[in-house]
C-alpha atoms as a PDB file:
ATOM      1  CA  MET A   1     -23.401 190.069 168.491  1.00  0.00           C
ATOM      2  CA  ALA A   2     -21.860 193.169 167.069  1.00  0.00           C
ATOM      3  CA  THR A   3     -18.798 191.569 165.365  1.00  0.00           C
ATOM      4  CA  LEU A   4     -19.551 187.833 165.164  1.00  0.00           C
ATOM      5  CA  ALA A   5     -16.262 187.153 166.948  1.00  0.00           C
ATOM      6  CA  SER A   6     -14.587 187.291 170.345  1.00  0.00           C
ATOM      7  CA  HIS A   7     -12.020 189.885 171.037  1.00  0.00           C
ATOM      8  CA  ARG A   8      -9.939 187.360 173.002  1.00  0.00           C
ATOM      9  CA  VAL A   9     -10.024 184.071 170.970  1.00  0.00           C
ATOM     10  CA  ALA A  10     -10.238 183.316 167.282  1.00  0.00           C
ATOM     11  CA  ALA A  11     -12.301 180.096 167.645  1.00  0.00           C
ATOM     12  CA  ASP A  12     -15.759 179.651 168.959  1.00  0.00           C
ATOM     13  CA  ALA A  13     -15.160 176.672 171.160  1.00  0.00           C
ATOM     14  CA  PRO A  14     -13.957 178.693 174.149  1.00  0.00           C
ATOM     15  CA  LEU A  15     -17.309 180.683 174.034  1.00  0.00           C
ATOM     16  CA  VAL A  16     -19.294 177.518 174.946  1.00  0.00           C
ATOM     17  CA  ARG A  17     -19.576 176.229 178.444  1.00  0.00           C
ATOM     18  CA  HIS A  18     -17.346 173.188 178.959  1.00  0.00           C
ATOM     19  CA  GLY A  19     -19.288 170.022 178.420  1.00  0.00           C
ATOM     20  CA  ALA A  20     -22.180 171.819 176.542  1.00  0.00           C
ATOM     21  CA  GLN A  21     -22.838 171.287 172.873  1.00  0.00           C
ATOM     22  CA  ARG A  22     -23.711 174.757 172.003  1.00  0.00           C
ATOM     23  CA  ALA A  23     -24.276 178.319 173.327  1.00  0.00           C
ATOM     24  CA  ILE A  24     -27.022 180.821 172.660  1.00  0.00           C
ATOM     25  CA  VAL A  25     -26.604 184.544 172.868  1.00  0.00           C
ATOM     26  CA  ARG A  26     -29.962 186.442 172.882  1.00  0.00           C
ATOM     27  CA  LEU A  27     -30.663 190.155 173.311  1.00  0.00           C
ATOM     28  CA  ALA A  28     -33.131 192.825 172.565  1.00  0.00           C
ATOM     29  CA  VAL A  29     -31.816 195.821 170.571  1.00  0.00           C
ATOM     30  CA  VAL A  30     -33.500 199.120 170.203  1.00  0.00           C
ATOM     31  CA  ASN A  31     -32.293 200.524 166.951  1.00  0.00           C
ATOM     32  CA  ALA A  32     -33.800 203.599 165.173  1.00  0.00           C
ATOM     33  CA  ASP A  33     -36.844 203.461 167.568  1.00  0.00           C
ATOM     34  CA  ARG A  34     -37.413 199.835 166.619  1.00  0.00           C
ATOM     35  CA  GLU A  35     -36.894 196.895 168.965  1.00  0.00           C
ATOM     36  CA  LEU A  36     -35.420 193.756 167.563  1.00  0.00           C
ATOM     37  CA  THR A  37     -34.743 190.398 169.254  1.00  0.00           C
ATOM     38  CA  VAL A  38     -31.597 188.899 167.932  1.00  0.00           C
ATOM     39  CA  GLU A  39     -30.318 185.420 168.654  1.00  0.00           C
ATOM     40  CA  LEU A  40     -27.092 183.657 167.784  1.00  0.00           C
ATOM     41  CA  GLU A  41     -26.539 179.903 168.210  1.00  0.00           C
ATOM     42  CA  ILE A  42     -22.813 178.980 168.531  1.00  0.00           C
ATOM     43  CA  THR A  43     -22.004 175.393 167.806  1.00  0.00           C
ATOM     44  CA  PRO A  44     -18.285 174.485 167.795  1.00  0.00           C
ATOM     45  CA  GLY A  45     -17.272 172.717 164.566  1.00  0.00           C
ATOM     46  CA  LYS A  46     -20.425 173.718 162.750  1.00  0.00           C
ATOM     47  CA  ALA A  47     -21.877 176.773 161.068  1.00  0.00           C
ATOM     48  CA  ASN A  48     -23.472 179.176 163.499  1.00  0.00           C
ATOM     49  CA  ARG A  49     -27.035 180.233 163.027  1.00  0.00           C
ATOM     50  CA  ALA A  50     -28.790 183.569 163.510  1.00  0.00           C
ATOM     51  CA  ARG A  51     -32.439 184.535 164.154  1.00  0.00           C
ATOM     52  CA  VAL A  52     -34.042 187.902 164.157  1.00  0.00           C
ATOM     53  CA  ASN A  53     -37.493 188.293 165.795  1.00  0.00           C
ATOM     54  CA  ARG A  54     -37.683 184.491 165.839  1.00  0.00           C
ATOM     55  CA  GLY A  55     -37.114 184.202 162.139  1.00  0.00           C
ATOM     56  CA  SER A  56     -34.028 182.646 160.618  1.00  0.00           C
ATOM     57  CA  VAL A  57     -31.687 184.751 158.465  1.00  0.00           C
ATOM     58  CA  GLY A  58     -29.820 183.414 155.510  1.00  0.00           C
ATOM     59  CA  ARG A  59     -26.367 184.020 156.999  1.00  0.00           C
ATOM     60  CA  PRO A  60     -25.168 185.096 160.450  1.00  0.00           C
ATOM     61  CA  ARG A  61     -23.386 188.077 159.007  1.00  0.00           C
ATOM     62  CA  ASP A  62     -26.865 189.452 158.082  1.00  0.00           C
ATOM     63  CA  VAL A  63     -27.254 190.624 161.835  1.00  0.00           C
ATOM     64  CA  LEU A  64     -24.178 192.838 161.494  1.00  0.00           C
ATOM     65  CA  GLY A  65     -25.140 196.509 161.942  1.00  0.00           C
ATOM     66  CA  ILE A  66     -28.059 195.841 164.220  1.00  0.00           C
ATOM     67  CA  LEU A  67     -25.939 196.367 167.292  1.00  0.00           C
ATOM     68  CA  ARG A  68     -22.869 198.684 167.303  1.00  0.00           C
ATOM     69  CA  THR A  69     -20.341 198.440 170.125  1.00  0.00           C
ATOM     70  CA  VAL A  70     -17.005 199.981 170.989  1.00  0.00           C
ATOM     71  CA  LEU A  71     -14.861 197.753 173.206  1.00  0.00           C
ATOM     72  CA  PHE A  72     -11.797 198.826 175.260  1.00  0.00           C
ATOM     73  CA  ALA A  73      -9.925 195.905 176.881  1.00  0.00           C
ATOM     74  CA  PRO A  74      -6.464 195.076 178.212  1.00  0.00           C
ATOM     75  CA  GLU A  75      -5.659 193.421 174.914  1.00  0.00           C
ATOM     76  CA  ASP A  76      -5.789 196.837 173.236  1.00  0.00           C
ATOM     77  CA  LEU A  77      -2.187 197.537 174.351  1.00  0.00           C
ATOM     78  CA  ALA A  78      -1.350 195.494 171.146  1.00  0.00           C
ATOM     79  CA  LEU A  79      -2.736 198.298 169.029  1.00  0.00           C
ATOM     80  CA  VAL A  80       0.290 200.292 170.155  1.00  0.00           C
ATOM     81  CA  ARG A  81       2.896 197.729 170.912  1.00  0.00           C
ATOM     82  CA  GLY A  82       1.931 194.855 168.647  1.00  0.00           C
ATOM     83  CA  ASP A  83       2.572 194.062 164.951  1.00  0.00           C
ATOM     84  CA  PRO A  84       0.913 196.042 162.110  1.00  0.00           C
ATOM     85  CA  GLY A  85      -1.661 193.249 161.723  1.00  0.00           C
ATOM     86  CA  GLU A  86      -3.211 194.288 165.070  1.00  0.00           C
ATOM     87  CA  ARG A  87      -3.770 197.753 163.862  1.00  0.00           C
ATOM     88  CA  ARG A  88      -5.150 196.653 160.450  1.00  0.00           C
ATOM     89  CA  LYS A  89      -7.576 194.303 162.283  1.00  0.00           C
ATOM     90  CA  PHE A  90      -8.668 197.314 164.452  1.00  0.00           C
ATOM     91  CA  LEU A  91      -9.497 199.350 161.254  1.00  0.00           C
ATOM     92  CA  ASP A  92     -11.186 196.374 159.593  1.00  0.00           C
ATOM     93  CA  ASP A  93     -13.398 195.861 162.575  1.00  0.00           C
ATOM     94  CA  LEU A  94     -14.406 199.587 162.627  1.00  0.00           C
ATOM     95  CA  LEU A  95     -14.959 199.421 158.901  1.00  0.00           C
ATOM     96  CA  VAL A  96     -17.375 196.564 159.202  1.00  0.00           C
ATOM     97  CA  GLN A  97     -19.330 198.316 161.973  1.00  0.00           C
ATOM     98  CA  ARG A  98     -19.779 201.339 159.648  1.00  0.00           C
ATOM     99  CA  ALA A  99     -20.499 199.317 156.592  1.00  0.00           C
ATOM    100  CA  PRO A 100     -21.462 195.698 157.410  1.00  0.00           C
ATOM    101  CA  GLY A 101     -21.515 194.704 153.760  1.00  0.00           C
ATOM    102  CA  THR A 102     -17.694 194.938 153.576  1.00  0.00           C
ATOM    103  CA  ARG A 103     -17.160 192.025 156.004  1.00  0.00           C
ATOM    104  CA  ALA A 104     -17.207 189.480 153.223  1.00  0.00           C
ATOM    105  CA  CYS A 105     -14.702 191.545 151.121  1.00  0.00           C
ATOM    106  CA  ALA A 106     -12.390 191.943 154.083  1.00  0.00           C
ATOM    107  CA  ARG A 107     -12.389 188.220 154.910  1.00  0.00           C
ATOM    108  CA  THR A 108     -11.776 187.268 151.255  1.00  0.00           C
ATOM    109  CA  THR A 109      -8.948 189.718 151.060  1.00  0.00           C
ATOM    110  CA  THR A 110      -7.313 188.190 154.146  1.00  0.00           C
ATOM    111  CA  ARG A 111      -7.691 184.618 152.822  1.00  0.00           C
ATOM    112  CA  CYS A 112      -6.274 185.651 149.497  1.00  0.00           C
ATOM    113  CA  SER A 113      -3.295 187.357 150.970  1.00  0.00           C
ATOM    114  CA  SER A 114      -2.455 184.307 153.190  1.00  0.00           C
ATOM    115  CA  SER A 115      -3.095 181.671 150.501  1.00  0.00           C
ATOM    116  CA  ALA A 116      -0.941 183.500 147.935  1.00  0.00           C
ATOM    117  CA  THR A 117       2.169 183.196 150.174  1.00  0.00           C
ATOM    118  CA  PRO A 118       2.550 179.371 149.979  1.00  0.00           C
ATOM    119  CA  CYS A 119       2.116 179.553 146.233  1.00  0.00           C
ATOM    120  CA  SER A 120       4.855 182.120 146.144  1.00  0.00           C
ATOM    121  CA  ARG A 121       7.182 179.577 147.759  1.00  0.00           C
ATOM    122  CA  ALA A 122       6.696 177.133 144.992  1.00  0.00           C
ATOM    123  CA  ARG A 123       8.721 177.080 141.831  1.00  0.00           C
ATOM    124  CA  PRO A 124       7.479 178.967 138.756  1.00  0.00           C
ATOM    125  CA  PRO A 125       5.593 175.978 137.105  1.00  0.00           C
ATOM    126  CA  THR A 126       3.504 175.462 140.235  1.00  0.00           C
ATOM    127  CA  ALA A 127       3.185 179.142 141.075  1.00  0.00           C
ATOM    128  CA  ALA A 128       0.831 179.574 138.094  1.00  0.00           C
ATOM    129  CA  ARG A 129      -1.869 178.001 140.261  1.00  0.00           C
ATOM    130  CA  ALA A 130      -1.840 181.176 142.313  1.00  0.00           C
ATOM    131  CA  ASP A 131      -3.163 183.285 139.543  1.00  0.00           C
ATOM    132  CA  PRO A 132      -6.940 182.647 140.222  1.00  0.00           C
ATOM    133  CA  THR A 133      -6.437 183.628 143.791  1.00  0.00           C
ATOM    134  CA  ARG A 134      -4.490 186.651 142.921  1.00  0.00           C
ATOM    135  CA  THR A 135      -7.156 187.659 140.458  1.00  0.00           C
ATOM    136  CA  ARG A 136      -9.808 187.293 143.051  1.00  0.00           C
ATOM    137  CA  CYS A 137      -7.943 189.288 145.692  1.00  0.00           C
ATOM    138  CA  PRO A 138      -7.802 192.572 143.745  1.00  0.00           C
ATOM    139  CA  ARG A 139     -11.642 192.391 143.208  1.00  0.00           C
ATOM    140  CA  SER A 140     -12.375 191.916 146.901  1.00  0.00           C
ATOM    141  CA  THR A 141      -9.801 194.524 147.917  1.00  0.00           C
ATOM    142  CA  SER A 142     -11.146 197.110 145.521  1.00  0.00           C
ATOM    143  CA  GLY A 143     -14.701 196.389 146.747  1.00  0.00           C
ATOM    144  CA  THR A 144     -13.667 197.129 150.385  1.00  0.00           C
ATOM    145  CA  ALA A 145     -11.712 200.258 149.436  1.00  0.00           C
ATOM    146  CA  THR A 146     -14.617 201.820 147.655  1.00  0.00           C
ATOM    147  CA  SER A 147     -17.452 200.969 150.012  1.00  0.00           C
ATOM    148  CA  PRO A 148     -19.244 203.777 151.686  1.00  0.00           C
ATOM    149  CA  GLY A 149     -17.450 205.125 154.785  1.00  0.00           C
ATOM    150  CA  THR A 150     -14.144 203.216 154.169  1.00  0.00           C
ATOM    151  CA  ALA A 151     -10.510 203.943 155.036  1.00  0.00           C
ATOM    152  CA  ALA A 152     -10.122 205.840 151.786  1.00  0.00           C
ATOM    153  CA  SER A 153     -12.238 208.672 153.148  1.00  0.00           C
ATOM    154  CA  SER A 154     -12.190 208.192 156.870  1.00  0.00           C
ATOM    155  CA  TRP A 155      -8.658 207.476 157.913  1.00  0.00           C
ATOM    156  CA  ARG A 156      -6.518 209.779 155.935  1.00  0.00           C
ATOM    157  CA  PRO A 157      -4.606 212.499 157.840  1.00  0.00           C
ATOM    158  CA  GLY A 158      -6.827 215.260 159.004  1.00  0.00           C
ATOM    159  CA  SER A 159      -9.955 213.083 158.733  1.00  0.00           C
ATOM    160  CA  THR A 160     -12.731 213.255 161.289  1.00  0.00           C
ATOM    161  CA  TRP A 161     -11.646 210.076 163.092  1.00  0.00           C
ATOM    162  CA  SER A 162      -7.933 210.931 163.239  1.00  0.00           C
ATOM    163  CA  ARG A 163      -8.743 214.417 164.529  1.00  0.00           C
ATOM    164  CA  ARG A 164     -10.960 213.011 167.242  1.00  0.00           C
ATOM    165  CA  CYS A 165      -8.227 210.492 168.217  1.00  0.00           C
ATOM    166  CA  GLY A 166      -5.774 213.414 168.431  1.00  0.00           C
ATOM    167  CA  ARG A 167      -8.063 215.588 170.474  1.00  0.00           C
ATOM    168  CA  GLY A 168      -8.757 212.622 172.834  1.00  0.00           C
ATOM    169  CA  TRP A 169      -4.996 212.180 173.356  1.00  0.00           C
ATOM    170  CA  ARG A 170      -4.542 215.882 174.055  1.00  0.00           C
ATOM    171  CA  ARG A 171      -7.308 215.939 176.600  1.00  0.00           C
ATOM    172  CA  ARG A 172      -5.740 212.923 178.414  1.00  0.00           C
ATOM    173  CA  THR A 173      -2.118 213.802 178.211  1.00  0.00           C
ATOM    174  CA  ARG A 174      -1.686 217.393 177.098  1.00  0.00           C
ATOM    175  CA  GLY A 175       0.806 216.084 174.548  1.00  0.00           C
ATOM    176  CA  ARG A 176       1.021 215.763 170.768  1.00  0.00           C
ATOM    177  CA  ALA A 177      -0.022 212.574 168.977  1.00  0.00           C
ATOM    178  CA  GLY A 178      -0.471 211.659 165.381  1.00  0.00           C
ATOM    179  CA  VAL A 179      -2.587 208.954 163.804  1.00  0.00           C
ATOM    180  CA  ARG A 180      -2.227 208.251 160.063  1.00  0.00           C
ATOM    181  CA  ALA A 181      -3.263 205.429 157.861  1.00  0.00           C
ATOM    182  CA  ARG A 182      -0.527 204.500 155.315  1.00  0.00           C
ATOM    183  CA  ALA A 183      -1.678 202.342 152.387  1.00  0.00           C
ATOM    184  CA  ASP A 184       0.612 199.995 150.524  1.00  0.00           C
ATOM    185  CA  ARG A 185       2.524 201.870 147.808  1.00  0.00           C
ATOM    186  CA  LEU A 186       1.759 200.202 144.606  1.00  0.00           C
ATOM    187  CA  PRO A 187       4.855 199.619 142.523  1.00  0.00           C
ATOM    188  CA  GLY A 188       4.953 199.791 138.745  1.00  0.00           C
ATOM    189  CA  GLY A 189       4.539 202.637 136.344  1.00  0.00           C
ATOM    190  CA  GLY A 190       1.144 201.540 134.865  1.00  0.00           C
ATOM    191  CA  ARG A 191      -1.605 204.056 134.245  1.00  0.00           C
ATOM    192  CA  ALA A 192      -3.906 202.619 136.887  1.00  0.00           C
ATOM    193  CA  ALA A 193      -1.158 202.710 139.562  1.00  0.00           C
ATOM    194  CA  ARG A 194      -0.409 206.304 138.830  1.00  0.00           C
ATOM    195  CA  ARG A 195      -4.100 207.288 139.062  1.00  0.00           C
ATOM    196  CA  VAL A 196      -4.477 205.569 142.405  1.00  0.00           C
ATOM    197  CA  ARG A 197      -1.272 207.142 143.766  1.00  0.00           C
ATOM    198  CA  ARG A 198      -2.601 210.504 142.749  1.00  0.00           C
ATOM    199  CA  ARG A 199      -5.899 209.752 144.521  1.00  0.00           C
ATOM    200  CA  ARG A 200      -7.819 210.458 141.336  1.00  0.00           C
ATOM    201  CA  ALA A 201      -9.560 207.117 141.147  1.00  0.00           C
ATOM    202  CA  ARG A 202     -11.316 204.978 143.745  1.00  0.00           C
ATOM    203  CA  ARG A 203     -13.513 202.964 141.443  1.00  0.00           C
ATOM    204  CA  PRO A 204     -13.208 199.079 141.896  1.00  0.00           C
ATOM    205  CA  ALA A 205     -12.166 198.550 138.228  1.00  0.00           C
ATOM    206  CA  VAL A 206      -9.247 200.973 138.548  1.00  0.00           C
ATOM    207  CA  LEU A 207      -8.030 199.579 141.904  1.00  0.00           C
ATOM    208  CA  SER A 208      -8.224 196.015 140.591  1.00  0.00           C
ATOM    209  CA  GLU A 209      -6.230 196.959 137.558  1.00  0.00           C
ATOM    210  CA  ALA A 210      -3.638 198.781 139.664  1.00  0.00           C
ATOM    211  CA  LEU A 211      -3.236 195.780 142.026  1.00  0.00           C
ATOM    212  CA  LEU A 212      -2.866 193.396 139.167  1.00  0.00           C
ATOM    213  CA  GLU A 213      -0.210 195.649 137.641  1.00  0.00           C
ATOM    214  CA  ALA A 214       1.659 195.777 140.989  1.00  0.00           C
ATOM    215  CA  MET A 215       1.439 192.075 141.497  1.00  0.00           C
ATOM    216  CA  ALA A 216       2.881 191.449 138.029  1.00  0.00           C
ATOM    217  CA  ALA A 217       5.683 193.926 138.762  1.00  0.00           C
ATOM    218  CA  ARG A 218       6.735 192.165 141.982  1.00  0.00           C
ATOM    219  CA  ARG A 219       6.029 188.508 140.873  1.00  0.00           C
ATOM    220  CA  ASP A 220       9.664 187.507 140.511  1.00  0.00           C
ATOM    221  CA  ALA A 221      10.661 189.153 143.862  1.00  0.00           C
ATOM    222  CA  GLU A 222       7.749 187.253 145.534  1.00  0.00           C
ATOM    223  CA  LEU A 223       8.928 183.916 144.103  1.00  0.00           C
ATOM    224  CA  ASP A 224      12.492 184.649 145.336  1.00  0.00           C
ATOM    225  CA  ARG A 225      11.446 185.688 148.874  1.00  0.00           C
ATOM    226  CA  GLY A 226       8.507 183.384 149.346  1.00  0.00           C
ATOM    227  CA  VAL A 227       6.145 186.102 150.582  1.00  0.00           C
ATOM    228  CA  SER A 228       3.345 188.321 149.169  1.00  0.00           C
ATOM    229  CA  LEU A 229       4.832 191.730 148.717  1.00  0.00           C
ATOM    230  CA  VAL A 230       1.779 193.563 147.361  1.00  0.00           C
ATOM    231  CA  GLY A 231      -1.702 194.120 148.871  1.00  0.00           C
ATOM    232  CA  PRO A 232      -3.587 195.456 151.881  1.00  0.00           C
ATOM    233  CA  HIS A 233      -1.681 193.200 154.254  1.00  0.00           C
ATOM    234  CA  ARG A 234       1.203 195.634 153.805  1.00  0.00           C
ATOM    235  CA  ASP A 235      -0.850 198.599 155.045  1.00  0.00           C
ATOM    236  CA  GLU A 236      -0.031 200.277 158.337  1.00  0.00           C
ATOM    237  CA  LEU A 237      -1.643 202.561 160.844  1.00  0.00           C
ATOM    238  CA  GLU A 238       1.079 204.932 162.003  1.00  0.00           C
ATOM    239  CA  LEU A 239       1.030 206.222 165.534  1.00  0.00           C
ATOM    240  CA  THR A 240       3.449 208.903 166.529  1.00  0.00           C
ATOM    241  CA  LEU A 241       4.277 210.901 169.658  1.00  0.00           C
ATOM    242  CA  GLY A 242       5.635 214.205 168.344  1.00  0.00           C
ATOM    243  CA  GLU A 243       8.132 213.138 165.736  1.00  0.00           C
ATOM    244  CA  LEU A 244       8.792 209.653 167.182  1.00  0.00           C
ATOM    245  CA  PRO A 245       6.833 206.369 166.532  1.00  0.00           C
ATOM    246  CA  ALA A 246       4.701 205.349 169.462  1.00  0.00           C
ATOM    247  CA  LYS A 247       5.796 201.786 169.217  1.00  0.00           C
ATOM    248  CA  GLY A 248       9.042 201.515 171.117  1.00  0.00           C
ATOM    249  CA  TYR A 249       9.016 205.116 172.475  1.00  0.00           C
ATOM    250  CA  ALA A 250       5.678 205.288 174.391  1.00  0.00           C
ATOM    251  CA  SER A 251       5.763 204.465 178.053  1.00  0.00           C
ATOM    252  CA  HIS A 252       3.231 202.022 179.574  1.00  0.00           C
ATOM    253  CA  GLY A 253       0.926 204.879 180.500  1.00  0.00           C
ATOM    254  CA  GLU A 254       1.271 206.581 177.154  1.00  0.00           C
ATOM    255  CA  SER A 255       0.500 203.315 175.358  1.00  0.00           C
ATOM    256  CA  TRP A 256      -2.711 202.993 177.361  1.00  0.00           C
ATOM    257  CA  SER A 257      -3.647 206.559 176.669  1.00  0.00           C
ATOM    258  CA  PHE A 258      -3.010 205.960 172.877  1.00  0.00           C
ATOM    259  CA  ALA A 259      -5.091 202.774 172.787  1.00  0.00           C
ATOM    260  CA  LEU A 260      -7.841 204.529 174.716  1.00  0.00           C
ATOM    261  CA  SER A 261      -7.792 207.500 172.365  1.00  0.00           C
ATOM    262  CA  LEU A 262      -8.179 205.214 169.298  1.00  0.00           C
ATOM    263  CA  ARG A 263     -11.197 203.391 170.876  1.00  0.00           C
ATOM    264  CA  LEU A 264     -12.930 206.604 172.064  1.00  0.00           C
ATOM    265  CA  GLY A 265     -12.192 208.213 168.698  1.00  0.00           C
ATOM    266  CA  SER A 266     -14.045 205.310 167.122  1.00  0.00           C
ATOM    267  CA  TYR A 267     -16.840 205.722 169.645  1.00  0.00           C
ATOM    268  CA  GLU A 268     -17.362 209.412 168.759  1.00  0.00           C
ATOM    269  CA  LEU A 269     -17.237 208.519 165.057  1.00  0.00           C
ATOM    270  CA  LEU A 270     -20.027 205.995 165.352  1.00  0.00           C
ATOM    271  CA  ARG A 271     -21.936 208.222 167.614  1.00  0.00           C
ATOM    272  CA  GLY A 272     -21.748 211.072 165.121  1.00  0.00           C
ATOM    273  CA  GLU A 273     -23.350 208.941 162.503  1.00  0.00           C
ATOM    274  CA  GLY A 274     -26.669 208.823 164.340  1.00  0.00           C
ATOM    275  CA  SER A 275     -26.577 205.340 165.909  1.00  0.00           C
ATOM    276  CA  GLU A 276     -25.411 205.352 169.609  1.00  0.00           C
ATOM    277  CA  PRO A 277     -22.992 202.504 170.180  1.00  0.00           C
ATOM    278  CA  VAL A 278     -22.757 200.533 173.396  1.00  0.00           C
ATOM    279  CA  LEU A 279     -19.476 201.308 175.163  1.00  0.00           C
ATOM    280  CA  ILE A 280     -17.886 198.182 176.728  1.00  0.00           C
ATOM    281  CA  LEU A 281     -15.007 198.641 179.264  1.00  0.00           C
ATOM    282  CA  ASP A 282     -13.653 195.244 179.941  1.00  0.00           C
ATOM    283  CA  ASP A 283     -11.527 195.208 183.158  1.00  0.00           C
ATOM    284  CA  VAL A 284      -9.452 198.312 182.247  1.00  0.00           C
ATOM    285  CA  PHE A 285      -9.856 200.647 185.248  1.00  0.00           C
ATOM    286  CA  ALA A 286      -7.341 198.486 187.269  1.00  0.00           C
ATOM    287  CA  GLU A 287      -4.710 199.266 184.594  1.00  0.00           C
ATOM    288  CA  LEU A 288      -5.243 203.055 184.659  1.00  0.00           C
ATOM    289  CA  ASP A 289      -4.025 205.576 187.173  1.00  0.00           C
ATOM    290  CA  ARG A 290      -6.508 207.875 188.900  1.00  0.00           C
ATOM    291  CA  ALA A 291      -6.235 210.639 186.409  1.00  0.00           C
ATOM    292  CA  ARG A 292      -6.919 208.409 183.429  1.00  0.00           C
ATOM    293  CA  ARG A 293      -9.768 206.606 185.248  1.00  0.00           C
ATOM    294  CA  GLU A 294     -11.496 209.963 185.820  1.00  0.00           C
ATOM    295  CA  ARG A 295     -11.131 211.034 182.193  1.00  0.00           C
ATOM    296  CA  LEU A 296     -12.535 207.718 180.970  1.00  0.00           C
ATOM    297  CA  ALA A 297     -15.343 207.958 183.374  1.00  0.00           C
ATOM    298  CA  GLU A 298     -16.198 211.436 182.079  1.00  0.00           C
ATOM    299  CA  THR A 299     -16.747 209.933 178.611  1.00  0.00           C
ATOM    300  CA  ALA A 300     -18.534 206.885 179.965  1.00  0.00           C
ATOM    301  CA  VAL A 301     -21.169 208.781 181.836  1.00  0.00           C
ATOM    302  CA  ARG A 302     -22.212 210.545 178.629  1.00  0.00           C
ATOM    303  CA  ALA A 303     -22.739 207.216 176.812  1.00  0.00           C
ATOM    304  CA  GLU A 304     -26.371 205.976 176.422  1.00  0.00           C
ATOM    305  CA  GLN A 305     -25.347 202.455 177.642  1.00  0.00           C
ATOM    306  CA  VAL A 306     -22.108 201.299 179.162  1.00  0.00           C
ATOM    307  CA  LEU A 307     -21.083 197.714 180.206  1.00  0.00           C
ATOM    308  CA  VAL A 308     -18.222 197.637 182.725  1.00  0.00           C
ATOM    309  CA  THR A 309     -16.360 194.582 184.001  1.00  0.00           C
ATOM    310  CA  ALA A 310     -13.974 194.614 186.989  1.00  0.00           C
ATOM    311  CA  ALA A 311     -12.326 192.040 189.113  1.00  0.00           C
ATOM    312  CA  VAL A 312     -12.469 194.439 192.150  1.00  0.00           C
ATOM    313  CA  ALA A 313     -15.590 196.566 192.567  1.00  0.00           C
ATOM    314  CA  GLU A 314     -13.513 199.398 194.056  1.00  0.00           C
ATOM    315  CA  ASP A 315     -11.695 199.748 190.717  1.00  0.00           C
ATOM    316  CA  VAL A 316     -14.865 201.244 189.144  1.00  0.00           C
ATOM    317  CA  PRO A 317     -15.031 205.067 189.598  1.00  0.00           C
ATOM    318  CA  GLY A 318     -17.892 206.281 191.699  1.00  0.00           C
ATOM    319  CA  GLU A 319     -19.294 208.362 188.849  1.00  0.00           C
ATOM    320  CA  LEU A 320     -20.489 205.226 187.055  1.00  0.00           C
ATOM    321  CA  VAL A 321     -23.663 204.301 188.891  1.00  0.00           C
ATOM    322  CA  GLY A 322     -26.168 201.646 187.692  1.00  0.00           C
ATOM    323  CA  ALA A 323     -27.102 198.033 188.074  1.00  0.00           C
ATOM    324  CA  ARG A 324     -24.323 195.777 189.413  1.00  0.00           C
ATOM    325  CA  TYR A 325     -24.019 192.017 189.004  1.00  0.00           C
ATOM    326  CA  SER A 326     -21.664 189.516 190.562  1.00  0.00           C
ATOM    327  CA  VAL A 327     -20.416 186.643 188.385  1.00  0.00           C
ATOM    328  CA  ALA A 328     -18.938 183.718 190.447  1.00  0.00           C
ATOM    329  CA  ASP A 329     -19.062 179.949 190.519  1.00  0.00           C
ATOM    330  CA  GLY A 330     -20.982 179.817 187.263  1.00  0.00           C
ATOM    331  CA  GLU A 331     -23.824 182.087 188.496  1.00  0.00           C
ATOM    332  CA  VAL A 332     -24.892 185.599 187.698  1.00  0.00           C
ATOM    333  CA  ARG A 333     -26.454 187.473 190.701  1.00  0.00           C
ATOM    334  CA  ARG A 334     -27.657 191.100 190.891  1.00  0.00           C
ATOM    335  CA  VAL A 335     -26.084 192.857 193.807  1.00  0.00           C
ATOM    336  CA  ARG A 336     -27.520 196.393 193.333  1.00  0.00           C
END
């Protein structure tokens, strides 16, 4: 409901009970002292539909922003140990929660980056067909980069979010950690590229011009190598332990602490903007030692609403009290 996607699978089919034609997710959300009933109808192979207060909305993405969530799950180890794409997706998802209108721009940018690569493998006469895609990509990218609350202002070194991630790490490990978003360095000596590199211009027109200049400068190299060498798909979220990169140097426990710090930093950022997000902890306590469990529980008890899943009830710290449900054999039963 918060992201229009599952954190485990890319397709919608696994979200529907086997043998059923569709699934419906319905919930009541209290947002800014106003209660809304939101409903999503998930139909594999077809467009999903959304309703708000029993009235249809034009597009499912129109419900984005009604509910904000921060999810911490075992898959989050990929934020530290995985490829740069995992960290870019993490930033994209956080961006969409802060500014829902950027979802279309982010998806268009991703499609443009991936569709330009096959064109780059073609010989020059055919490669000209890539030009419309490459023209559309700078427009969508610049729209994302200049939207309110985007990476340009939130994820630079020393930003509110990165400071909170660092403080969260120090509270959990008493060590030093660094979080820094590194944007793709635009090649070329054009005026627009120089202005962007000097951080003097964030307007969509200037960013689009700079991206087009960079694409033109690397066009021959792209055709030779068969990959797209310019664009947001080259960005990276750099995580460091002291002077060393976290990927490859962080232990299993340190990787967990880093991933947890990223998520809780995001939680504090969203919370500081006036809308309390729902904190979701998906089967993570079994993966944490006792000290990390206690520190996570300290944050969880301060949240307005927390959803916790666990395979073993004893894995949940005693500080987290509330309603408990058992999910087994296709049934949900309240046990406390």
